[in-house]
Amino acid sequence: MTCENGCCAPAVLPERRTALTRRVRWLVAATITYNVVEAVVAISAGSAASSTALIGFGLDSVIEVASAAAVAWQFSGDHEARERTALKVIAVSFFALAAYVGFEAVQALIKAEPAGHSTVGIVLAAVSLVVMPGLSYAQRRAGRELGSASAVADSKQTLLCTYLSGVLLAGLVLNSLLGWWWADPVVALAIAAVAVKEGREAWRGQHCC
């Protein structure tokens, strides 16, 4: 057994470790690429529709890029030595996400200003709802086998993006069809609470336990 940052996993053969490290790098690269595209589309569509939810979703993608970049940096060298630093970066990204989403959700509830319809936003949220769970699962599985708490933490960041996709999709559809402008900010507050919890776990290095 090997234990790093409280993250214990069975011993892995050198050949398998090399293969897993390479897999994590590819998954992180895919996550970064997708989130860059997602951020550009979401922020552009959000600005056009005056949708705080869409803009917030785009900024969440920027935070996800920062989290994935931290893991990419870690695995570009001695990933075991860089584990703790990468976890701190991921934790801060969770807290930043929670702060922004929570603030914007409260603002949306206070102002009670419904956003306009956004077909682009609905399609983007639906696509992300399909893509993100696969990326999260693959990275979490490789990270656990490798014994990397940071890789698992980043996979949870991606999974949180999946939840946000679902919330965004529900909010945009309910707003467009029924005029329920409050649906998105209310659920977004719950997502912010989850982000705080995940941030604490990342800071303590508890994501593999």
N, C-alpha and C. Protein backbone atom coordinates (compact mmCIF):
# COMPACT_ATOMS: atom_id res chain seq x y z
N MET A 1 0.85 -1.21 0.00
CA MET A 1 0.00 0.00 0.00
C MET A 1 0.88 1.25 0.00
N THR A 2 0.44 2.29 -0.69
CA THR A 2 1.12 3.57 -0.67
C THR A 2 0.14 4.62 -0.19
N CYS A 3 0.62 5.53 0.65
CA CYS A 3 -0.24 6.56 1.20
C CYS A 3 0.38 7.93 0.97
N GLU A 4 -0.36 8.80 0.29
CA GLU A 4 0.10 10.16 0.04
C GLU A 4 -1.04 11.11 0.36
N ASN A 5 -0.77 12.10 1.27
CA ASN A 5 -1.80 13.07 1.63
C ASN A 5 -3.06 12.37 2.14
N GLY A 6 -2.88 11.26 2.85
CA GLY A 6 -4.03 10.54 3.35
C GLY A 6 -4.74 9.75 2.28
N CYS A 7 -4.14 9.64 1.08
CA CYS A 7 -4.76 8.94 -0.04
C CYS A 7 -4.07 7.60 -0.22
N CYS A 8 -4.72 6.53 0.17
CA CYS A 8 -4.09 5.21 0.12
C CYS A 8 -4.62 4.39 -1.05
N ALA A 9 -3.72 3.70 -1.73
CA ALA A 9 -4.09 2.87 -2.88
C ALA A 9 -3.14 1.69 -2.95
N PRO A 10 -3.56 0.56 -3.52
CA PRO A 10 -2.68 -0.59 -3.67
C PRO A 10 -1.46 -0.21 -4.50
N ALA A 11 -0.34 -0.89 -4.25
CA ALA A 11 0.88 -0.64 -5.01
C ALA A 11 0.62 -0.91 -6.49
N VAL A 12 1.15 -0.03 -7.35
CA VAL A 12 0.95 -0.14 -8.79
C VAL A 12 2.28 -0.43 -9.46
N LEU A 13 2.29 -1.40 -10.38
CA LEU A 13 3.52 -1.73 -11.10
C LEU A 13 3.99 -0.53 -11.91
N PRO A 14 5.30 -0.35 -12.09
CA PRO A 14 5.84 0.80 -12.83
C PRO A 14 5.21 0.98 -14.21
N GLU A 15 5.02 -0.13 -14.94
CA GLU A 15 4.44 -0.03 -16.29
C GLU A 15 3.01 0.50 -16.23
N ARG A 16 2.26 0.00 -15.25
CA ARG A 16 0.88 0.43 -15.09
C ARG A 16 0.83 1.89 -14.64
N ARG A 17 1.75 2.27 -13.75
CA ARG A 17 1.80 3.65 -13.27
C ARG A 17 2.07 4.62 -14.43
N THR A 18 2.96 4.22 -15.31
CA THR A 18 3.28 5.06 -16.47
C THR A 18 2.06 5.22 -17.37
N ALA A 19 1.34 4.10 -17.60
CA ALA A 19 0.15 4.14 -18.44
C ALA A 19 -0.94 5.01 -17.81
N LEU A 20 -1.11 4.90 -16.49
CA LEU A 20 -2.13 5.69 -15.80
C LEU A 20 -1.78 7.18 -15.82
N THR A 21 -0.50 7.47 -15.64
CA THR A 21 -0.05 8.87 -15.68
C THR A 21 -0.33 9.48 -17.04
N ARG A 22 -0.04 8.70 -18.11
CA ARG A 22 -0.29 9.18 -19.46
C ARG A 22 -1.80 9.39 -19.69
N ARG A 23 -2.61 8.48 -19.14
CA ARG A 23 -4.06 8.60 -19.29
C ARG A 23 -4.59 9.85 -18.62
N VAL A 24 -4.09 10.13 -17.41
CA VAL A 24 -4.52 11.32 -16.69
C VAL A 24 -4.17 12.57 -17.49
N ARG A 25 -2.96 12.59 -18.08
CA ARG A 25 -2.55 13.74 -18.89
C ARG A 25 -3.50 13.97 -20.06
N TRP A 26 -3.88 12.90 -20.75
CA TRP A 26 -4.78 13.02 -21.90
C TRP A 26 -6.16 13.49 -21.45
N LEU A 27 -6.65 12.95 -20.35
CA LEU A 27 -7.97 13.34 -19.85
C LEU A 27 -7.99 14.80 -19.42
N VAL A 28 -6.91 15.23 -18.78
CA VAL A 28 -6.81 16.63 -18.36
C VAL A 28 -6.77 17.54 -19.59
N ALA A 29 -6.02 17.13 -20.62
CA ALA A 29 -5.94 17.92 -21.85
C ALA A 29 -7.32 18.03 -22.50
N ALA A 30 -8.07 16.93 -22.51
CA ALA A 30 -9.41 16.93 -23.09
C ALA A 30 -10.34 17.84 -22.28
N THR A 31 -10.20 17.80 -20.96
CA THR A 31 -11.03 18.63 -20.08
C THR A 31 -10.75 20.11 -20.32
N ILE A 32 -9.48 20.46 -20.43
CA ILE A 32 -9.11 21.86 -20.66
C ILE A 32 -9.65 22.34 -22.00
N THR A 33 -9.45 21.54 -23.04
CA THR A 33 -9.90 21.92 -24.38
C THR A 33 -11.41 22.14 -24.41
N TYR A 34 -12.16 21.19 -23.86
CA TYR A 34 -13.62 21.32 -23.87
C TYR A 34 -14.08 22.54 -23.09
N ASN A 35 -13.47 22.77 -21.94
CA ASN A 35 -13.91 23.87 -21.09
C ASN A 35 -13.56 25.24 -21.67
N VAL A 36 -12.49 25.32 -22.43
CA VAL A 36 -12.16 26.58 -23.09
C VAL A 36 -13.26 26.92 -24.11
N VAL A 37 -13.65 25.92 -24.91
CA VAL A 37 -14.73 26.12 -25.88
C VAL A 37 -16.03 26.45 -25.16
N GLU A 38 -16.31 25.71 -24.10
CA GLU A 38 -17.54 25.91 -23.32
C GLU A 38 -17.60 27.31 -22.74
N ALA A 39 -16.47 27.80 -22.22
CA ALA A 39 -16.43 29.13 -21.62
C ALA A 39 -16.73 30.21 -22.65
N VAL A 40 -16.12 30.11 -23.82
CA VAL A 40 -16.32 31.10 -24.87
C VAL A 40 -17.78 31.14 -25.31
N VAL A 41 -18.36 29.96 -25.56
CA VAL A 41 -19.74 29.88 -26.03
C VAL A 41 -20.71 30.37 -24.95
N ALA A 42 -20.51 29.92 -23.70
CA ALA A 42 -21.43 30.27 -22.62
C ALA A 42 -21.42 31.77 -22.32
N ILE A 43 -20.23 32.35 -22.23
CA ILE A 43 -20.14 33.78 -21.91
C ILE A 43 -20.71 34.63 -23.04
N SER A 44 -20.45 34.22 -24.28
CA SER A 44 -20.99 34.95 -25.43
C SER A 44 -22.51 34.87 -25.47
N ALA A 45 -23.05 33.65 -25.29
CA ALA A 45 -24.50 33.46 -25.31
C ALA A 45 -25.15 34.14 -24.11
N GLY A 46 -24.48 34.08 -22.97
CA GLY A 46 -25.02 34.71 -21.76
C GLY A 46 -25.10 36.22 -21.89
N SER A 47 -24.08 36.80 -22.51
CA SER A 47 -24.08 38.26 -22.72
C SER A 47 -25.19 38.66 -23.68
N ALA A 48 -25.40 37.84 -24.70
CA ALA A 48 -26.45 38.15 -25.69
C ALA A 48 -27.85 38.06 -25.08
N ALA A 49 -28.05 37.10 -24.15
CA ALA A 49 -29.37 36.90 -23.56
C ALA A 49 -29.53 37.57 -22.20
N SER A 50 -28.47 38.28 -21.75
CA SER A 50 -28.46 38.89 -20.42
C SER A 50 -28.74 37.84 -19.34
N SER A 51 -28.12 36.67 -19.52
CA SER A 51 -28.33 35.55 -18.60
C SER A 51 -27.16 35.43 -17.62
N THR A 52 -27.44 35.73 -16.36
CA THR A 52 -26.42 35.59 -15.32
C THR A 52 -26.01 34.14 -15.17
N ALA A 53 -26.96 33.23 -15.31
CA ALA A 53 -26.68 31.80 -15.17
C ALA A 53 -25.69 31.33 -16.24
N LEU A 54 -25.92 31.74 -17.48
CA LEU A 54 -25.04 31.33 -18.57
C LEU A 54 -23.64 31.91 -18.41
N ILE A 55 -23.57 33.19 -18.04
CA ILE A 55 -22.27 33.82 -17.82
C ILE A 55 -21.54 33.14 -16.67
N GLY A 56 -22.29 32.84 -15.60
CA GLY A 56 -21.69 32.15 -14.46
C GLY A 56 -21.20 30.76 -14.84
N PHE A 57 -21.96 30.10 -15.70
CA PHE A 57 -21.55 28.77 -16.18
C PHE A 57 -20.26 28.88 -16.98
N GLY A 58 -20.14 29.93 -17.78
CA GLY A 58 -18.92 30.13 -18.55
C GLY A 58 -17.73 30.40 -17.64
N LEU A 59 -17.94 31.19 -16.60
CA LEU A 59 -16.85 31.47 -15.66
C LEU A 59 -16.49 30.21 -14.86
N ASP A 60 -17.48 29.36 -14.60
CA ASP A 60 -17.18 28.08 -13.97
C ASP A 60 -16.25 27.26 -14.85
N SER A 61 -16.44 27.34 -16.15
CA SER A 61 -15.57 26.62 -17.08
C SER A 61 -14.14 27.14 -17.01
N VAL A 62 -14.01 28.46 -16.81
CA VAL A 62 -12.68 29.05 -16.65
C VAL A 62 -12.01 28.50 -15.40
N ILE A 63 -12.78 28.39 -14.32
CA ILE A 63 -12.25 27.84 -13.07
C ILE A 63 -11.86 26.38 -13.25
N GLU A 64 -12.68 25.63 -14.00
CA GLU A 64 -12.38 24.23 -14.29
C GLU A 64 -11.08 24.11 -15.07
N VAL A 65 -10.82 25.05 -15.98
CA VAL A 65 -9.56 25.05 -16.73
C VAL A 65 -8.39 25.25 -15.77
N ALA A 66 -8.55 26.16 -14.81
CA ALA A 66 -7.48 26.41 -13.83
C ALA A 66 -7.20 25.16 -13.00
N SER A 67 -8.27 24.47 -12.60
CA SER A 67 -8.12 23.25 -11.82
C SER A 67 -7.41 22.17 -12.61
N ALA A 68 -7.85 21.98 -13.86
CA ALA A 68 -7.23 20.96 -14.72
C ALA A 68 -5.79 21.31 -15.04
N ALA A 69 -5.51 22.61 -15.20
CA ALA A 69 -4.15 23.05 -15.49
C ALA A 69 -3.23 22.73 -14.31
N ALA A 70 -3.76 22.82 -13.09
CA ALA A 70 -2.96 22.49 -11.91
C ALA A 70 -2.56 21.01 -11.93
N VAL A 71 -3.49 20.15 -12.34
CA VAL A 71 -3.19 18.72 -12.43
C VAL A 71 -2.22 18.46 -13.58
N ALA A 72 -2.40 19.19 -14.69
CA ALA A 72 -1.49 19.03 -15.83
C ALA A 72 -0.08 19.41 -15.42
N TRP A 73 0.05 20.50 -14.66
CA TRP A 73 1.37 20.92 -14.15
C TRP A 73 1.95 19.84 -13.23
N GLN A 74 1.11 19.29 -12.39
CA GLN A 74 1.57 18.26 -11.46
C GLN A 74 2.13 17.06 -12.20
N PHE A 75 1.42 16.59 -13.23
CA PHE A 75 1.82 15.38 -13.94
C PHE A 75 2.83 15.63 -15.05
N SER A 76 3.26 16.90 -15.19
CA SER A 76 4.32 17.18 -16.15
C SER A 76 5.70 16.94 -15.55
N GLY A 77 5.73 16.72 -14.22
CA GLY A 77 6.99 16.46 -13.54
C GLY A 77 6.80 15.35 -12.53
N ASP A 78 7.40 15.52 -11.35
CA ASP A 78 7.25 14.55 -10.26
C ASP A 78 5.89 14.78 -9.62
N HIS A 79 4.88 14.02 -10.10
CA HIS A 79 3.51 14.30 -9.65
C HIS A 79 3.30 14.04 -8.18
N GLU A 80 4.08 13.13 -7.58
CA GLU A 80 3.93 12.87 -6.15
C GLU A 80 4.41 14.06 -5.32
N ALA A 81 5.52 14.68 -5.75
CA ALA A 81 6.07 15.82 -5.02
C ALA A 81 5.18 17.06 -5.16
N ARG A 82 4.46 17.16 -6.28
CA ARG A 82 3.63 18.33 -6.55
C ARG A 82 2.18 18.16 -6.11
N GLU A 83 1.88 17.01 -5.52
CA GLU A 83 0.50 16.67 -5.17
C GLU A 83 -0.16 17.72 -4.28
N ARG A 84 0.50 18.09 -3.20
CA ARG A 84 -0.11 19.00 -2.22
C ARG A 84 -0.40 20.38 -2.83
N THR A 85 0.54 20.88 -3.61
CA THR A 85 0.34 22.20 -4.23
C THR A 85 -0.86 22.17 -5.18
N ALA A 86 -0.94 21.10 -5.99
CA ALA A 86 -2.05 20.98 -6.93
C ALA A 86 -3.38 20.91 -6.19
N LEU A 87 -3.41 20.21 -5.06
CA LEU A 87 -4.64 20.11 -4.27
C LEU A 87 -5.08 21.48 -3.75
N LYS A 88 -4.11 22.30 -3.33
CA LYS A 88 -4.44 23.62 -2.82
C LYS A 88 -5.06 24.49 -3.92
N VAL A 89 -4.49 24.39 -5.13
CA VAL A 89 -5.03 25.16 -6.25
C VAL A 89 -6.46 24.73 -6.57
N ILE A 90 -6.68 23.42 -6.56
CA ILE A 90 -8.02 22.89 -6.84
C ILE A 90 -9.01 23.34 -5.77
N ALA A 91 -8.56 23.30 -4.50
CA ALA A 91 -9.42 23.73 -3.40
C ALA A 91 -9.82 25.19 -3.56
N VAL A 92 -8.85 26.04 -3.88
CA VAL A 92 -9.13 27.47 -4.07
C VAL A 92 -10.11 27.67 -5.23
N SER A 93 -9.97 26.86 -6.29
CA SER A 93 -10.89 26.99 -7.43
C SER A 93 -12.31 26.62 -7.03
N PHE A 94 -12.46 25.62 -6.15
CA PHE A 94 -13.78 25.26 -5.63
C PHE A 94 -14.38 26.43 -4.84
N PHE A 95 -13.57 27.03 -3.97
CA PHE A 95 -14.05 28.13 -3.14
C PHE A 95 -14.43 29.33 -4.01
N ALA A 96 -13.62 29.60 -5.04
CA ALA A 96 -13.91 30.71 -5.94
C ALA A 96 -15.22 30.48 -6.68
N LEU A 97 -15.42 29.24 -7.11
CA LEU A 97 -16.66 28.88 -7.80
C LEU A 97 -17.86 29.07 -6.87
N ALA A 98 -17.74 28.58 -5.63
CA ALA A 98 -18.83 28.70 -4.67
C ALA A 98 -19.16 30.16 -4.39
N ALA A 99 -18.11 30.98 -4.23
CA ALA A 99 -18.33 32.40 -3.93
C ALA A 99 -19.05 33.10 -5.08
N TYR A 100 -18.59 32.83 -6.30
CA TYR A 100 -19.19 33.51 -7.44
C TYR A 100 -20.64 33.05 -7.68
N VAL A 101 -20.83 31.73 -7.71
CA VAL A 101 -22.17 31.20 -7.97
C VAL A 101 -23.14 31.64 -6.88
N GLY A 102 -22.69 31.59 -5.63
CA GLY A 102 -23.55 32.01 -4.52
C GLY A 102 -23.92 33.48 -4.61
N PHE A 103 -22.94 34.33 -4.91
CA PHE A 103 -23.19 35.77 -5.03
C PHE A 103 -24.16 36.07 -6.17
N GLU A 104 -23.90 35.47 -7.33
CA GLU A 104 -24.75 35.72 -8.49
C GLU A 104 -26.16 35.20 -8.28
N ALA A 105 -26.28 34.06 -7.57
CA ALA A 105 -27.60 33.50 -7.31
C ALA A 105 -28.42 34.43 -6.41
N VAL A 106 -27.78 34.96 -5.36
CA VAL A 106 -28.46 35.89 -4.45
C VAL A 106 -28.86 37.16 -5.20
N GLN A 107 -27.95 37.67 -6.04
CA GLN A 107 -28.24 38.87 -6.82
C GLN A 107 -29.44 38.65 -7.75
N ALA A 108 -29.47 37.46 -8.37
CA ALA A 108 -30.56 37.14 -9.29
C ALA A 108 -31.91 37.09 -8.55
N LEU A 109 -31.88 36.54 -7.33
CA LEU A 109 -33.11 36.46 -6.55
C LEU A 109 -33.58 37.84 -6.11
N ILE A 110 -32.63 38.69 -5.74
CA ILE A 110 -32.99 40.04 -5.27
C ILE A 110 -33.55 40.90 -6.41
N LYS A 111 -32.87 40.84 -7.55
CA LYS A 111 -33.28 41.68 -8.68
C LYS A 111 -34.53 41.16 -9.38
N ALA A 112 -34.72 39.84 -9.32
CA ALA A 112 -35.89 39.22 -9.96
C ALA A 112 -36.01 39.62 -11.42
N GLU A 113 -34.87 39.58 -12.11
CA GLU A 113 -34.85 39.95 -13.53
C GLU A 113 -34.65 38.71 -14.39
N PRO A 114 -35.69 38.18 -15.03
CA PRO A 114 -35.55 36.98 -15.86
C PRO A 114 -34.71 37.25 -17.09
N ALA A 115 -33.92 36.27 -17.48
CA ALA A 115 -33.08 36.39 -18.68
C ALA A 115 -33.90 36.04 -19.91
N GLY A 116 -33.38 36.42 -21.07
CA GLY A 116 -34.05 36.09 -22.31
C GLY A 116 -33.81 34.64 -22.70
N HIS A 117 -34.57 34.16 -23.67
CA HIS A 117 -34.42 32.79 -24.15
C HIS A 117 -33.08 32.64 -24.87
N SER A 118 -32.43 31.48 -24.66
CA SER A 118 -31.14 31.22 -25.32
C SER A 118 -31.10 29.78 -25.81
N THR A 119 -31.32 29.59 -27.10
CA THR A 119 -31.24 28.25 -27.69
C THR A 119 -29.82 27.71 -27.59
N VAL A 120 -28.84 28.58 -27.84
CA VAL A 120 -27.43 28.17 -27.76
C VAL A 120 -27.11 27.68 -26.35
N GLY A 121 -27.59 28.40 -25.35
CA GLY A 121 -27.34 28.01 -23.96
C GLY A 121 -27.95 26.66 -23.63
N ILE A 122 -29.16 26.41 -24.09
CA ILE A 122 -29.84 25.13 -23.82
C ILE A 122 -29.07 23.98 -24.47
N VAL A 123 -28.65 24.17 -25.71
CA VAL A 123 -27.90 23.11 -26.41
C VAL A 123 -26.56 22.86 -25.72
N LEU A 124 -25.86 23.94 -25.33
CA LEU A 124 -24.57 23.81 -24.66
C LEU A 124 -24.71 23.05 -23.34
N ALA A 125 -25.72 23.38 -22.55
CA ALA A 125 -25.94 22.70 -21.27
C ALA A 125 -26.24 21.22 -21.48
N ALA A 126 -27.03 20.91 -22.51
CA ALA A 126 -27.38 19.51 -22.80
C ALA A 126 -26.14 18.71 -23.22
N VAL A 127 -25.30 19.30 -24.06
CA VAL A 127 -24.07 18.62 -24.50
C VAL A 127 -23.13 18.39 -23.32
N SER A 128 -22.98 19.40 -22.48
CA SER A 128 -22.10 19.27 -21.31
C SER A 128 -22.60 18.20 -20.35
N LEU A 129 -23.93 18.09 -20.26
CA LEU A 129 -24.53 17.09 -19.38
C LEU A 129 -24.19 15.68 -19.84
N VAL A 130 -23.89 15.52 -21.12
CA VAL A 130 -23.52 14.21 -21.68
C VAL A 130 -22.01 13.99 -21.61
N VAL A 131 -21.23 15.03 -21.93
CA VAL A 131 -19.77 14.89 -22.03
C VAL A 131 -19.08 14.82 -20.67
N MET A 132 -19.45 15.70 -19.75
CA MET A 132 -18.73 15.84 -18.49
C MET A 132 -18.72 14.59 -17.60
N PRO A 133 -19.84 13.86 -17.47
CA PRO A 133 -19.79 12.67 -16.60
C PRO A 133 -18.77 11.63 -17.06
N GLY A 134 -18.62 11.46 -18.37
CA GLY A 134 -17.64 10.50 -18.89
C GLY A 134 -16.22 10.90 -18.56
N LEU A 135 -15.90 12.18 -18.75
CA LEU A 135 -14.56 12.67 -18.43
C LEU A 135 -14.28 12.53 -16.93
N SER A 136 -15.27 12.88 -16.12
CA SER A 136 -15.11 12.81 -14.67
C SER A 136 -14.86 11.38 -14.20
N TYR A 137 -15.67 10.44 -14.71
CA TYR A 137 -15.54 9.04 -14.31
C TYR A 137 -14.18 8.47 -14.69
N ALA A 138 -13.75 8.73 -15.92
CA ALA A 138 -12.48 8.19 -16.40
C ALA A 138 -11.30 8.73 -15.58
N GLN A 139 -11.32 10.01 -15.29
CA GLN A 139 -10.22 10.59 -14.52
C GLN A 139 -10.25 10.14 -13.07
N ARG A 140 -11.44 10.04 -12.50
CA ARG A 140 -11.55 9.60 -11.10
C ARG A 140 -11.06 8.16 -10.95
N ARG A 141 -11.40 7.31 -11.92
CA ARG A 141 -10.97 5.92 -11.87
C ARG A 141 -9.46 5.80 -11.98
N ALA A 142 -8.86 6.55 -12.91
CA ALA A 142 -7.40 6.50 -13.07
C ALA A 142 -6.71 7.10 -11.86
N GLY A 143 -7.27 8.19 -11.32
CA GLY A 143 -6.67 8.84 -10.16
C GLY A 143 -6.68 7.96 -8.93
N ARG A 144 -7.76 7.23 -8.73
CA ARG A 144 -7.84 6.35 -7.56
C ARG A 144 -6.86 5.19 -7.68
N GLU A 145 -6.76 4.62 -8.88
CA GLU A 145 -5.83 3.51 -9.06
C GLU A 145 -4.39 3.99 -8.90
N LEU A 146 -4.14 5.22 -9.32
CA LEU A 146 -2.79 5.78 -9.23
C LEU A 146 -2.50 6.27 -7.81
N GLY A 147 -3.55 6.50 -7.02
CA GLY A 147 -3.36 7.01 -5.66
C GLY A 147 -3.14 8.51 -5.64
N SER A 148 -3.72 9.23 -6.63
CA SER A 148 -3.53 10.67 -6.73
C SER A 148 -4.78 11.40 -6.26
N ALA A 149 -4.67 12.06 -5.10
CA ALA A 149 -5.80 12.80 -4.57
C ALA A 149 -6.15 13.99 -5.45
N SER A 150 -5.15 14.61 -6.08
CA SER A 150 -5.42 15.79 -6.91
C SER A 150 -6.20 15.41 -8.17
N ALA A 151 -5.85 14.26 -8.78
CA ALA A 151 -6.57 13.82 -9.98
C ALA A 151 -8.03 13.52 -9.63
N VAL A 152 -8.26 12.91 -8.47
CA VAL A 152 -9.62 12.62 -8.03
C VAL A 152 -10.37 13.92 -7.72
N ALA A 153 -9.67 14.87 -7.08
CA ALA A 153 -10.29 16.16 -6.76
C ALA A 153 -10.70 16.89 -8.02
N ASP A 154 -9.84 16.86 -9.04
CA ASP A 154 -10.17 17.54 -10.30
C ASP A 154 -11.34 16.85 -10.98
N SER A 155 -11.42 15.52 -10.85
CA SER A 155 -12.56 14.81 -11.44
C SER A 155 -13.86 15.22 -10.77
N LYS A 156 -13.80 15.55 -9.48
CA LYS A 156 -14.99 16.01 -8.77
C LYS A 156 -15.35 17.43 -9.19
N GLN A 157 -14.33 18.22 -9.54
CA GLN A 157 -14.59 19.54 -10.10
C GLN A 157 -15.37 19.41 -11.41
N THR A 158 -14.95 18.43 -12.24
CA THR A 158 -15.64 18.17 -13.50
C THR A 158 -17.06 17.67 -13.24
N LEU A 159 -17.22 16.82 -12.22
CA LEU A 159 -18.55 16.31 -11.88
C LEU A 159 -19.45 17.44 -11.41
N LEU A 160 -18.89 18.39 -10.66
CA LEU A 160 -19.67 19.54 -10.22
C LEU A 160 -20.13 20.35 -11.43
N CYS A 161 -19.29 20.41 -12.45
CA CYS A 161 -19.67 21.09 -13.69
C CYS A 161 -20.86 20.38 -14.33
N THR A 162 -20.92 19.05 -14.17
CA THR A 162 -22.07 18.29 -14.67
C THR A 162 -23.35 18.73 -13.96
N TYR A 163 -23.27 18.86 -12.62
CA TYR A 163 -24.43 19.31 -11.86
C TYR A 163 -24.87 20.70 -12.31
N LEU A 164 -23.88 21.58 -12.50
CA LEU A 164 -24.19 22.93 -12.96
C LEU A 164 -24.85 22.91 -14.33
N SER A 165 -24.41 21.97 -15.19
CA SER A 165 -25.02 21.83 -16.52
C SER A 165 -26.49 21.48 -16.39
N GLY A 166 -26.79 20.54 -15.48
CA GLY A 166 -28.17 20.14 -15.25
C GLY A 166 -29.01 21.28 -14.71
N VAL A 167 -28.43 22.02 -13.75
CA VAL A 167 -29.13 23.16 -13.17
C VAL A 167 -29.37 24.23 -14.23
N LEU A 168 -28.32 24.51 -15.01
CA LEU A 168 -28.44 25.51 -16.07
C LEU A 168 -29.52 25.12 -17.08
N LEU A 169 -29.50 23.86 -17.49
CA LEU A 169 -30.48 23.38 -18.47
C LEU A 169 -31.89 23.52 -17.93
N ALA A 170 -32.09 23.07 -16.67
CA ALA A 170 -33.41 23.17 -16.05
C ALA A 170 -33.84 24.63 -15.93
N GLY A 171 -32.90 25.48 -15.50
CA GLY A 171 -33.23 26.89 -15.33
C GLY A 171 -33.60 27.57 -16.63
N LEU A 172 -32.83 27.30 -17.68
CA LEU A 172 -33.10 27.93 -18.98
C LEU A 172 -34.43 27.45 -19.57
N VAL A 173 -34.68 26.13 -19.45
CA VAL A 173 -35.93 25.57 -19.99
C VAL A 173 -37.14 26.08 -19.21
N LEU A 174 -37.06 26.06 -17.87
CA LEU A 174 -38.18 26.52 -17.05
C LEU A 174 -38.44 28.01 -17.25
N ASN A 175 -37.36 28.76 -17.42
CA ASN A 175 -37.51 30.20 -17.66
C ASN A 175 -38.18 30.45 -19.01
N SER A 176 -37.77 29.68 -20.02
CA SER A 176 -38.31 29.88 -21.36
C SER A 176 -39.76 29.41 -21.49
N LEU A 177 -40.08 28.25 -20.87
CA LEU A 177 -41.40 27.66 -21.04
C LEU A 177 -42.44 28.15 -20.02
N LEU A 178 -42.00 28.30 -18.76
CA LEU A 178 -42.96 28.61 -17.70
C LEU A 178 -42.73 29.96 -17.02
N GLY A 179 -41.61 30.60 -17.35
CA GLY A 179 -41.32 31.88 -16.72
C GLY A 179 -40.86 31.74 -15.28
N TRP A 180 -40.36 30.55 -14.89
CA TRP A 180 -39.86 30.34 -13.53
C TRP A 180 -38.43 30.85 -13.42
N TRP A 181 -38.26 32.15 -13.35
CA TRP A 181 -36.93 32.75 -13.33
C TRP A 181 -36.12 32.39 -12.09
N TRP A 182 -36.81 32.04 -11.00
CA TRP A 182 -36.15 31.78 -9.72
C TRP A 182 -35.57 30.37 -9.61
N ALA A 183 -35.92 29.47 -10.53
CA ALA A 183 -35.50 28.07 -10.41
C ALA A 183 -33.98 27.92 -10.45
N ASP A 184 -33.34 28.61 -11.39
CA ASP A 184 -31.90 28.47 -11.53
C ASP A 184 -31.13 29.00 -10.32
N PRO A 185 -31.38 30.23 -9.83
CA PRO A 185 -30.62 30.72 -8.69
C PRO A 185 -30.82 29.91 -7.41
N VAL A 186 -32.01 29.37 -7.22
CA VAL A 186 -32.26 28.58 -6.00
C VAL A 186 -31.41 27.31 -5.99
N VAL A 187 -31.41 26.57 -7.10
CA VAL A 187 -30.61 25.35 -7.17
C VAL A 187 -29.12 25.69 -7.20
N ALA A 188 -28.77 26.83 -7.79
CA ALA A 188 -27.37 27.25 -7.84
C ALA A 188 -26.80 27.43 -6.43
N LEU A 189 -27.63 27.89 -5.50
CA LEU A 189 -27.18 28.03 -4.11
C LEU A 189 -26.80 26.67 -3.51
N ALA A 190 -27.56 25.63 -3.87
CA ALA A 190 -27.23 24.29 -3.39
C ALA A 190 -25.91 23.81 -3.99
N ILE A 191 -25.68 24.13 -5.26
CA ILE A 191 -24.43 23.77 -5.92
C ILE A 191 -23.26 24.48 -5.24
N ALA A 192 -23.46 25.73 -4.86
CA ALA A 192 -22.41 26.49 -4.17
C ALA A 192 -22.03 25.81 -2.85
N ALA A 193 -23.04 25.30 -2.15
CA ALA A 193 -22.78 24.60 -0.88
C ALA A 193 -21.96 23.34 -1.11
N VAL A 194 -22.28 22.61 -2.18
CA VAL A 194 -21.52 21.41 -2.52
C VAL A 194 -20.08 21.78 -2.87
N ALA A 195 -19.89 22.88 -3.57
CA ALA A 195 -18.55 23.32 -3.95
C ALA A 195 -17.70 23.61 -2.72
N VAL A 196 -18.31 24.21 -1.70
CA VAL A 196 -17.58 24.48 -0.47
C VAL A 196 -17.12 23.18 0.18
N LYS A 197 -18.01 22.20 0.22
CA LYS A 197 -17.68 20.89 0.80
C LYS A 197 -16.52 20.24 0.05
N GLU A 198 -16.59 20.24 -1.29
CA GLU A 198 -15.54 19.63 -2.08
C GLU A 198 -14.22 20.39 -1.93
N GLY A 199 -14.30 21.70 -1.79
CA GLY A 199 -13.11 22.51 -1.58
C GLY A 199 -12.41 22.16 -0.27
N ARG A 200 -13.19 21.95 0.76
CA ARG A 200 -12.61 21.57 2.05
C ARG A 200 -11.90 20.22 1.96
N GLU A 201 -12.53 19.28 1.26
CA GLU A 201 -11.94 17.95 1.12
C GLU A 201 -10.64 18.02 0.31
N ALA A 202 -10.63 18.84 -0.74
CA ALA A 202 -9.42 18.98 -1.54
C ALA A 202 -8.31 19.61 -0.72
N TRP A 203 -8.65 20.60 0.08
CA TRP A 203 -7.64 21.29 0.91
C TRP A 203 -7.01 20.33 1.91
N ARG A 204 -7.82 19.40 2.41
CA ARG A 204 -7.32 18.43 3.39
C ARG A 204 -6.75 17.18 2.75
N GLY A 205 -6.89 17.07 1.41
CA GLY A 205 -6.34 15.90 0.70
C GLY A 205 -7.11 14.64 0.99
N GLN A 206 -8.45 14.74 1.09
CA GLN A 206 -9.27 13.60 1.48
C GLN A 206 -9.99 12.94 0.31
N HIS A 207 -9.69 13.31 -0.92
CA HIS A 207 -10.50 12.86 -2.04
C HIS A 207 -10.35 11.39 -2.44
N CYS A 208 -9.33 10.71 -1.92
CA CYS A 208 -9.20 9.29 -2.28
C CYS A 208 -9.68 8.37 -1.17
N CYS A 209 -9.99 8.94 -0.02
CA CYS A 209 -10.27 8.08 1.13
C CYS A 209 -11.71 7.58 1.11
